[in-house]
Structures are given as C-alpha cells and as structure tokens.
PDB file of N, CA and C in Angstrom:
ATOM      1  N   MET A   1      40.036  16.454 -25.012  1.00  0.00           N
ATOM      2  CA  MET A   1      39.234  16.790 -23.923  1.00  0.00           C
ATOM      3  C   MET A   1      37.992  16.007 -23.751  1.00  0.00           C
ATOM      4  N   LYS A   2      37.519  16.321 -24.769  1.00  0.00           N
ATOM      5  CA  LYS A   2      35.806  15.522 -25.056  1.00  0.00           C
ATOM      6  C   LYS A   2      36.193  13.958 -25.193  1.00  0.00           C
ATOM      7  N   LYS A   3      37.214  13.453 -25.514  1.00  0.00           N
ATOM      8  CA  LYS A   3      37.418  11.875 -25.256  1.00  0.00           C
ATOM      9  C   LYS A   3      37.678  11.538 -24.029  1.00  0.00           C
ATOM     10  N   LEU A   4      38.741  12.236 -23.255  1.00  0.00           N
ATOM     11  CA  LEU A   4      38.771  11.946 -22.012  1.00  0.00           C
ATOM     12  C   LEU A   4      37.686  11.938 -21.108  1.00  0.00           C
ATOM     13  N   ILE A   5      36.898  13.049 -21.093  1.00  0.00           N
ATOM     14  CA  ILE A   5      35.328  12.958 -20.547  1.00  0.00           C
ATOM     15  C   ILE A   5      34.380  11.768 -20.888  1.00  0.00           C
ATOM     16  N   ILE A   6      34.426  11.452 -22.009  1.00  0.00           N
ATOM     17  CA  ILE A   6      33.396  10.529 -22.426  1.00  0.00           C
ATOM     18  C   ILE A   6      34.374   9.041 -21.718  1.00  0.00           C
ATOM     19  N   SER A   7      35.450   8.877 -21.857  1.00  0.00           N
ATOM     20  CA  SER A   7      36.353   7.535 -21.393  1.00  0.00           C
ATOM     21  C   SER A   7      35.929   7.692 -19.885  1.00  0.00           C
ATOM     22  N   MET A   8      36.145   8.682 -19.134  1.00  0.00           N
ATOM     23  CA  MET A   8      35.817   8.558 -17.488  1.00  0.00           C
ATOM     24  C   MET A   8      34.318   8.422 -17.343  1.00  0.00           C
ATOM     25  N   ALA A   9      33.393   8.650 -18.184  1.00  0.00           N
ATOM     26  CA  ALA A   9      32.021   8.157 -17.978  1.00  0.00           C
ATOM     27  C   ALA A   9      31.637   6.770 -17.826  1.00  0.00           C
ATOM     28  N   VAL A  10      32.311   6.635 -19.106  1.00  0.00           N
ATOM     29  CA  VAL A  10      32.177   5.041 -19.528  1.00  0.00           C
ATOM     30  C   VAL A  10      33.006   4.129 -18.432  1.00  0.00           C
ATOM     31  N   ALA A  11      33.854   4.737 -17.721  1.00  0.00           N
ATOM     32  CA  ALA A  11      34.792   3.947 -16.811  1.00  0.00           C
ATOM     33  C   ALA A  11      33.697   4.173 -15.418  1.00  0.00           C
ATOM     34  N   GLY A  12      33.288   4.970 -15.059  1.00  0.00           N
ATOM     35  CA  GLY A  12      32.425   5.359 -14.099  1.00  0.00           C
ATOM     36  C   GLY A  12      31.341   4.355 -14.120  1.00  0.00           C
ATOM     37  N   MET A  13      30.551   4.180 -15.323  1.00  0.00           N
ATOM     38  CA  MET A  13      29.499   3.420 -15.799  1.00  0.00           C
ATOM     39  C   MET A  13      29.885   2.030 -15.176  1.00  0.00           C
ATOM     40  N   PHE A  14      30.786   1.378 -15.868  1.00  0.00           N
ATOM     41  CA  PHE A  14      31.492   0.294 -15.440  1.00  0.00           C
ATOM     42  C   PHE A  14      31.704  -0.029 -14.081  1.00  0.00           C
ATOM     43  N   ALA A  15      32.220   0.956 -13.049  1.00  0.00           N
ATOM     44  CA  ALA A  15      32.687   0.756 -11.776  1.00  0.00           C
ATOM     45  C   ALA A  15      31.251   0.715 -11.260  1.00  0.00           C
ATOM     46  N   LEU A  16      30.216   1.589 -11.424  1.00  0.00           N
ATOM     47  CA  LEU A  16      28.869   1.400 -10.729  1.00  0.00           C
ATOM     48  C   LEU A  16      28.436  -0.038 -10.938  1.00  0.00           C
ATOM     49  N   VAL A  17      28.462  -0.657 -12.267  1.00  0.00           N
ATOM     50  CA  VAL A  17      27.847  -1.702 -12.587  1.00  0.00           C
ATOM     51  C   VAL A  17      28.291  -2.894 -11.659  1.00  0.00           C
ATOM     52  N   ALA A  18      29.976  -2.821 -11.698  1.00  0.00           N
ATOM     53  CA  ALA A  18      30.595  -3.801 -10.891  1.00  0.00           C
ATOM     54  C   ALA A  18      30.224  -3.783  -9.508  1.00  0.00           C
ATOM     55  N   CYS A  19      29.908  -2.742  -9.070  1.00  0.00           N
ATOM     56  CA  CYS A  19      29.992  -2.743  -7.470  1.00  0.00           C
ATOM     57  C   CYS A  19      28.264  -3.105  -7.175  1.00  0.00           C
ATOM     58  N   GLY A  20      27.473  -3.620  -7.982  1.00  0.00           N
ATOM     59  CA  GLY A  20      26.329  -3.769  -7.784  1.00  0.00           C
ATOM     60  C   GLY A  20      25.294  -2.926  -7.144  1.00  0.00           C
ATOM     61  N   SER A  21      24.123  -3.183  -6.826  1.00  0.00           N
ATOM     62  CA  SER A  21      23.022  -2.158  -6.321  1.00  0.00           C
ATOM     63  C   SER A  21      23.021  -1.835  -4.997  1.00  0.00           C
ATOM     64  N   GLY A  22      24.187  -2.455  -4.213  1.00  0.00           N
ATOM     65  CA  GLY A  22      24.173  -1.940  -2.874  1.00  0.00           C
ATOM     66  C   GLY A  22      23.453  -2.266  -1.737  1.00  0.00           C
ATOM     67  N   VAL A  23      22.153  -3.105  -2.227  1.00  0.00           N
ATOM     68  CA  VAL A  23      21.299  -3.942  -1.560  1.00  0.00           C
ATOM     69  C   VAL A  23      21.541  -5.207  -1.228  1.00  0.00           C
ATOM     70  N   ASP A  24      21.976  -5.970  -0.236  1.00  0.00           N
ATOM     71  CA  ASP A  24      22.270  -7.184   0.052  1.00  0.00           C
ATOM     72  C   ASP A  24      20.924  -8.139  -0.155  1.00  0.00           C
ATOM     73  N   GLN A  25      21.060  -9.377   0.133  1.00  0.00           N
ATOM     74  CA  GLN A  25      19.725 -10.024   0.034  1.00  0.00           C
ATOM     75  C   GLN A  25      19.170 -10.297   1.179  1.00  0.00           C
ATOM     76  N   ALA A  26      19.857  -9.990   2.651  1.00  0.00           N
ATOM     77  CA  ALA A  26      19.240 -10.011   3.600  1.00  0.00           C
ATOM     78  C   ALA A  26      18.241  -8.387   3.776  1.00  0.00           C
ATOM     79  N   GLU A  27      18.749  -7.413   3.463  1.00  0.00           N
ATOM     80  CA  GLU A  27      18.280  -6.098   3.168  1.00  0.00           C
ATOM     81  C   GLU A  27      16.953  -6.439   2.167  1.00  0.00           C
ATOM     82  N   GLN A  28      17.153  -6.953   1.249  1.00  0.00           N
ATOM     83  CA  GLN A  28      16.064  -7.060   0.063  1.00  0.00           C
ATOM     84  C   GLN A  28      14.997  -7.830   0.681  1.00  0.00           C
ATOM     85  N   ALA A  29      15.383  -8.787   1.442  1.00  0.00           N
ATOM     86  CA  ALA A  29      14.282  -9.678   1.998  1.00  0.00           C
ATOM     87  C   ALA A  29      13.434  -8.859   3.015  1.00  0.00           C
ATOM     88  N   ARG A  30      14.245  -8.108   3.861  1.00  0.00           N
ATOM     89  CA  ARG A  30      13.350  -7.204   4.969  1.00  0.00           C
ATOM     90  C   ARG A  30      12.433  -6.223   4.409  1.00  0.00           C
ATOM     91  N   LEU A  31      13.117  -5.564   2.987  1.00  0.00           N
ATOM     92  CA  LEU A  31      12.052  -4.784   2.606  1.00  0.00           C
ATOM     93  C   LEU A  31      11.011  -5.335   1.890  1.00  0.00           C
ATOM     94  N   ASP A  32      11.370  -6.582   1.132  1.00  0.00           N
ATOM     95  CA  ASP A  32       9.911  -7.057   0.816  1.00  0.00           C
ATOM     96  C   ASP A  32       9.030  -7.794   1.873  1.00  0.00           C
ATOM     97  N   SER A  33       9.565  -8.009   2.823  1.00  0.00           N
ATOM     98  CA  SER A  33       8.847  -8.394   4.038  1.00  0.00           C
ATOM     99  C   SER A  33       8.063  -7.102   4.526  1.00  0.00           C
ATOM    100  N   LEU A  34       8.598  -5.812   4.555  1.00  0.00           N
ATOM    101  CA  LEU A  34       7.941  -4.735   4.733  1.00  0.00           C
ATOM    102  C   LEU A  34       6.753  -4.425   3.728  1.00  0.00           C
ATOM    103  N   MET A  35       7.061  -4.566   2.538  1.00  0.00           N
ATOM    104  CA  MET A  35       5.804  -4.256   1.525  1.00  0.00           C
ATOM    105  C   MET A  35       4.821  -5.180   1.705  1.00  0.00           C
ATOM    106  N   GLN A  36       5.086  -6.306   1.845  1.00  0.00           N
ATOM    107  CA  GLN A  36       4.122  -7.451   1.961  1.00  0.00           C
ATOM    108  C   GLN A  36       3.378  -7.056   3.152  1.00  0.00           C
ATOM    109  N   ASP A  37       3.955  -6.844   4.467  1.00  0.00           N
ATOM    110  CA  ASP A  37       2.922  -6.340   5.628  1.00  0.00           C
ATOM    111  C   ASP A  37       1.940  -4.984   5.293  1.00  0.00           C
ATOM    112  N   SER A  38       2.570  -4.173   4.790  1.00  0.00           N
ATOM    113  CA  SER A  38       1.924  -2.818   4.220  1.00  0.00           C
ATOM    114  C   SER A  38       0.787  -3.273   3.264  1.00  0.00           C
ATOM    115  N   ILE A  39       1.109  -4.322   2.380  1.00  0.00           N
ATOM    116  CA  ILE A  39      -0.344  -4.744   1.762  1.00  0.00           C
ATOM    117  C   ILE A  39      -1.193  -5.273   2.647  1.00  0.00           C
ATOM    118  N   MET A  40      -0.807  -6.169   3.127  1.00  0.00           N
ATOM    119  CA  MET A  40      -1.827  -6.867   3.903  1.00  0.00           C
ATOM    120  C   MET A  40      -2.501  -5.992   4.828  1.00  0.00           C
ATOM    121  N   LYS A  41      -2.021  -5.040   5.683  1.00  0.00           N
ATOM    122  CA  LYS A  41      -2.521  -3.947   6.129  1.00  0.00           C
ATOM    123  C   LYS A  41      -3.272  -3.197   5.504  1.00  0.00           C
ATOM    124  N   ALA A  42      -3.358  -2.546   4.241  1.00  0.00           N
ATOM    125  CA  ALA A  42      -4.151  -1.881   3.473  1.00  0.00           C
ATOM    126  C   ALA A  42      -5.348  -2.680   3.119  1.00  0.00           C
ATOM    127  N   GLN A  43      -5.192  -4.106   2.848  1.00  0.00           N
ATOM    128  CA  GLN A  43      -6.331  -4.899   2.582  1.00  0.00           C
ATOM    129  C   GLN A  43      -7.095  -5.066   3.769  1.00  0.00           C
ATOM    130  N   ALA A  44      -6.734  -5.385   4.924  1.00  0.00           N
ATOM    131  CA  ALA A  44      -7.417  -5.539   6.359  1.00  0.00           C
ATOM    132  C   ALA A  44      -8.139  -4.121   6.333  1.00  0.00           C
ATOM    133  N   ASP A  45      -7.659  -3.281   6.319  1.00  0.00           N
ATOM    134  CA  ASP A  45      -8.161  -1.682   6.625  1.00  0.00           C
ATOM    135  C   ASP A  45      -9.234  -1.487   5.656  1.00  0.00           C
ATOM    136  N   SER A  46      -8.995  -1.963   4.503  1.00  0.00           N
ATOM    137  CA  SER A  46     -10.085  -1.506   3.313  1.00  0.00           C
ATOM    138  C   SER A  46     -11.374  -2.703   3.608  1.00  0.00           C
ATOM    139  N   ILE A  47     -10.984  -3.736   4.079  1.00  0.00           N
ATOM    140  CA  ILE A  47     -12.140  -4.926   4.439  1.00  0.00           C
ATOM    141  C   ILE A  47     -13.060  -4.330   5.568  1.00  0.00           C
ATOM    142  N   ALA A  48     -12.026  -3.775   6.603  1.00  0.00           N
ATOM    143  CA  ALA A  48     -13.037  -3.300   7.949  1.00  0.00           C
ATOM    144  C   ALA A  48     -13.520  -2.063   7.363  1.00  0.00           C
ATOM    145  N   ALA A  49     -13.213  -1.392   6.342  1.00  0.00           N
ATOM    146  CA  ALA A  49     -13.975  -0.156   6.064  1.00  0.00           C
ATOM    147  C   ALA A  49     -15.213  -0.460   5.462  1.00  0.00           C
ATOM    148  N   VAL A  50     -15.157  -1.535   4.501  1.00  0.00           N
ATOM    149  CA  VAL A  50     -16.515  -1.871   3.886  1.00  0.00           C
ATOM    150  C   VAL A  50     -17.396  -2.656   4.764  1.00  0.00           C
ATOM    151  N   GLU A  51     -16.861  -3.376   5.822  1.00  0.00           N
ATOM    152  CA  GLU A  51     -17.808  -4.106   6.913  1.00  0.00           C
ATOM    153  C   GLU A  51     -18.460  -3.091   7.533  1.00  0.00           C
ATOM    154  N   GLN A  52     -17.550  -1.799   7.754  1.00  0.00           N
ATOM    155  CA  GLN A  52     -18.415  -0.927   8.942  1.00  0.00           C
ATOM    156  C   GLN A  52     -19.404   0.004   7.916  1.00  0.00           C
ATOM    157  N   ILE A  53     -19.228  -0.006   6.529  1.00  0.00           N
ATOM    158  CA  ILE A  53     -20.216   0.932   5.999  1.00  0.00           C
ATOM    159  C   ILE A  53     -21.549  -0.245   5.883  1.00  0.00           C
ATOM    160  N   LYS A  54     -21.227  -1.370   5.561  1.00  0.00           N
ATOM    161  CA  LYS A  54     -22.377  -2.277   5.927  1.00  0.00           C
ATOM    162  C   LYS A  54     -23.090  -2.316   7.040  1.00  0.00           C
ATOM    163  N   ALA A  55     -22.517  -2.318   7.930  1.00  0.00           N
ATOM    164  CA  ALA A  55     -22.895  -2.371   9.370  1.00  0.00           C
ATOM    165  C   ALA A  55     -23.961  -0.904   9.639  1.00  0.00           C
ATOM    166  N   ASP A  56     -23.385   0.233   9.283  1.00  0.00           N
ATOM    167  CA  ASP A  56     -24.121   1.516   9.114  1.00  0.00           C
ATOM    168  C   ASP A  56     -25.201   1.552   8.670  1.00  0.00           C
ATOM    169  N   SER A  57     -25.051   0.952   7.365  1.00  0.00           N
ATOM    170  CA  SER A  57     -26.241   1.069   6.358  1.00  0.00           C
ATOM    171  C   SER A  57     -27.273  -0.102   7.079  1.00  0.00           C
ATOM    172  N   ILE A  58     -27.194  -0.932   7.341  1.00  0.00           N
ATOM    173  CA  ILE A  58     -27.942  -1.998   8.097  1.00  0.00           C
ATOM    174  C   ILE A  58     -28.802  -1.309   9.276  1.00  0.00           C
ATOM    175  N   ALA A  59     -27.743  -0.398  10.105  1.00  0.00           N
ATOM    176  CA  ALA A  59     -28.376   0.128  11.189  1.00  0.00           C
ATOM    177  C   ALA A  59     -29.304   1.278  10.864  1.00  0.00           C
ATOM    178  N   ASN A  60     -28.942   1.911   9.793  1.00  0.00           N
ATOM    179  CA  ASN A  60     -29.813   2.908   9.330  1.00  0.00           C
ATOM    180  C   ASN A  60     -31.166   2.516   8.809  1.00  0.00           C
ATOM    181  N   ALA A  61     -31.236   1.574   8.055  1.00  0.00           N
ATOM    182  CA  ALA A  61     -32.332   1.041   7.546  1.00  0.00           C
ATOM    183  C   ALA A  61     -33.182   0.456   8.524  1.00  0.00           C
ATOM    184  N   MET A  62     -32.690  -0.190   9.652  1.00  0.00           N
ATOM    185  CA  MET A  62     -33.224  -0.559  10.994  1.00  0.00           C
ATOM    186  C   MET A  62     -34.091   0.422  11.404  1.00  0.00           C
ATOM    187  N   ALA A  63     -33.171   1.577  11.957  1.00  0.00           N
ATOM    188  CA  ALA A  63     -33.817   2.776  12.485  1.00  0.00           C
ATOM    189  C   ALA A  63     -34.749   3.413  11.693  1.00  0.00           C
ATOM    190  N   ALA A  64     -34.717   3.387  10.145  1.00  0.00           N
ATOM    191  CA  ALA A  64     -35.784   3.924   9.628  1.00  0.00           C
ATOM    192  C   ALA A  64     -37.098   3.085   9.445  1.00  0.00           C
ATOM    193  N   ASP A  65     -36.723   1.715   9.654  1.00  0.00           N
ATOM    194  CA  ASP A  65     -37.933   0.853   9.923  1.00  0.00           C
ATOM    195  C   ASP A  65     -38.794   1.264  11.138  1.00  0.00           C
ATOM    196  N   THR A  66     -37.793   1.336  12.035  1.00  0.00           N
ATOM    197  CA  THR A  66     -38.369   1.172  13.504  1.00  0.00           C
ATOM    198  C   THR A  66     -39.225   2.783  13.679  1.00  0.00           C
ATOM    199  N   THR A  67     -38.810   3.698  12.914  1.00  0.00           N
ATOM    200  CA  THR A  67     -39.200   5.038  13.172  1.00  0.00           C
ATOM    201  C   THR A  67     -40.519   5.147  12.285  1.00  0.00           C
ATOM    202  N   ALA A  68     -40.627   4.361  11.146  1.00  0.00           N
ATOM    203  CA  ALA A  68     -41.936   4.273  10.288  1.00  0.00           C
ATOM    204  C   ALA A  68     -42.925   3.470  11.133  1.00  0.00           C
ATOM    205  N   VAL A  69     -42.550   2.410  11.958  1.00  0.00           N
ATOM    206  CA  VAL A  69     -43.691   1.786  12.701  1.00  0.00           C
ATOM    207  C   VAL A  69     -44.055   2.373  13.921  1.00  0.00           C
ATOM    208  N   VAL A  70     -43.141   3.230  14.354  1.00  0.00           N
ATOM    209  CA  VAL A  70     -43.690   4.290  15.532  1.00  0.00           C
ATOM    210  C   VAL A  70     -44.624   4.985  14.902  1.00  0.00           C
ATOM    211  N   GLU A  71     -44.620   5.775  13.753  1.00  0.00           N
ATOM    212  CA  GLU A  71     -45.146   6.751  13.072  1.00  0.00           C
ATOM    213  C   GLU A  71     -46.619   6.258  12.969  1.00  0.00           C
ATOM    214  N   GLU A  72     -46.664   4.910  12.381  1.00  0.00           N
ATOM    215  CA  GLU A  72     -47.853   4.148  11.526  1.00  0.00           C
ATOM    216  C   GLU A  72     -48.789   3.973  13.095  1.00  0.00           C
ATOM    217  N   GLY A  73     -48.092   3.447  14.370  1.00  0.00           N
ATOM    218  CA  GLY A  73     -48.836   3.283  15.550  1.00  0.00           C
ATOM    219  C   GLY A  73     -49.503   4.565  16.176  1.00  0.00           C
ATOM    220  N   GLU A  74     -49.167   5.775  15.975  1.00  0.00           N
ATOM    221  CA  GLU A  74     -49.563   6.731  16.690  1.00  0.00           C
ATOM    222  C   GLU A  74     -50.762   7.407  16.264  1.00  0.00           C
TER     223      GLU A  74
END
C-alpha cells in the first residue's frame, strides 16, 4: 500500500510538471504590465508626497517669518 501511495504521488508530480504553470505568455505579460504600472504609481505618489511636504514646510517657514516681522513692527 505504501509503495502504491508513493508511486501515485510521483506520478501526480510528473503530471503537474508536464502541464506547466498554467499561465500563458499573454497572461504573464499582462501581469507584468500591471505590476510595472503599480510600481510607477507608487513612485509617483511618493514623489508627490515629498513635494507636498516640501511645499508645506516652505509655507510654514514663510508664515513664521511673516508673523515675526509683524510682531517686530508693532
């Protein structure tokens, strides 16, 4: 019985290997394209976030400068 189970497992393994991964080239190309699009969007979002932080920092610094000048002039 043990030999039968082992031989069935080996035969199943060969059958799975012979069938391939099940993903054809067109599907793999589509998946690769989606992954590339996702990476590009993440990079763009990251750059936009850094630019927004930079702009906010400059605006805060300018607001602090303006407040300091107004306080000195009073």
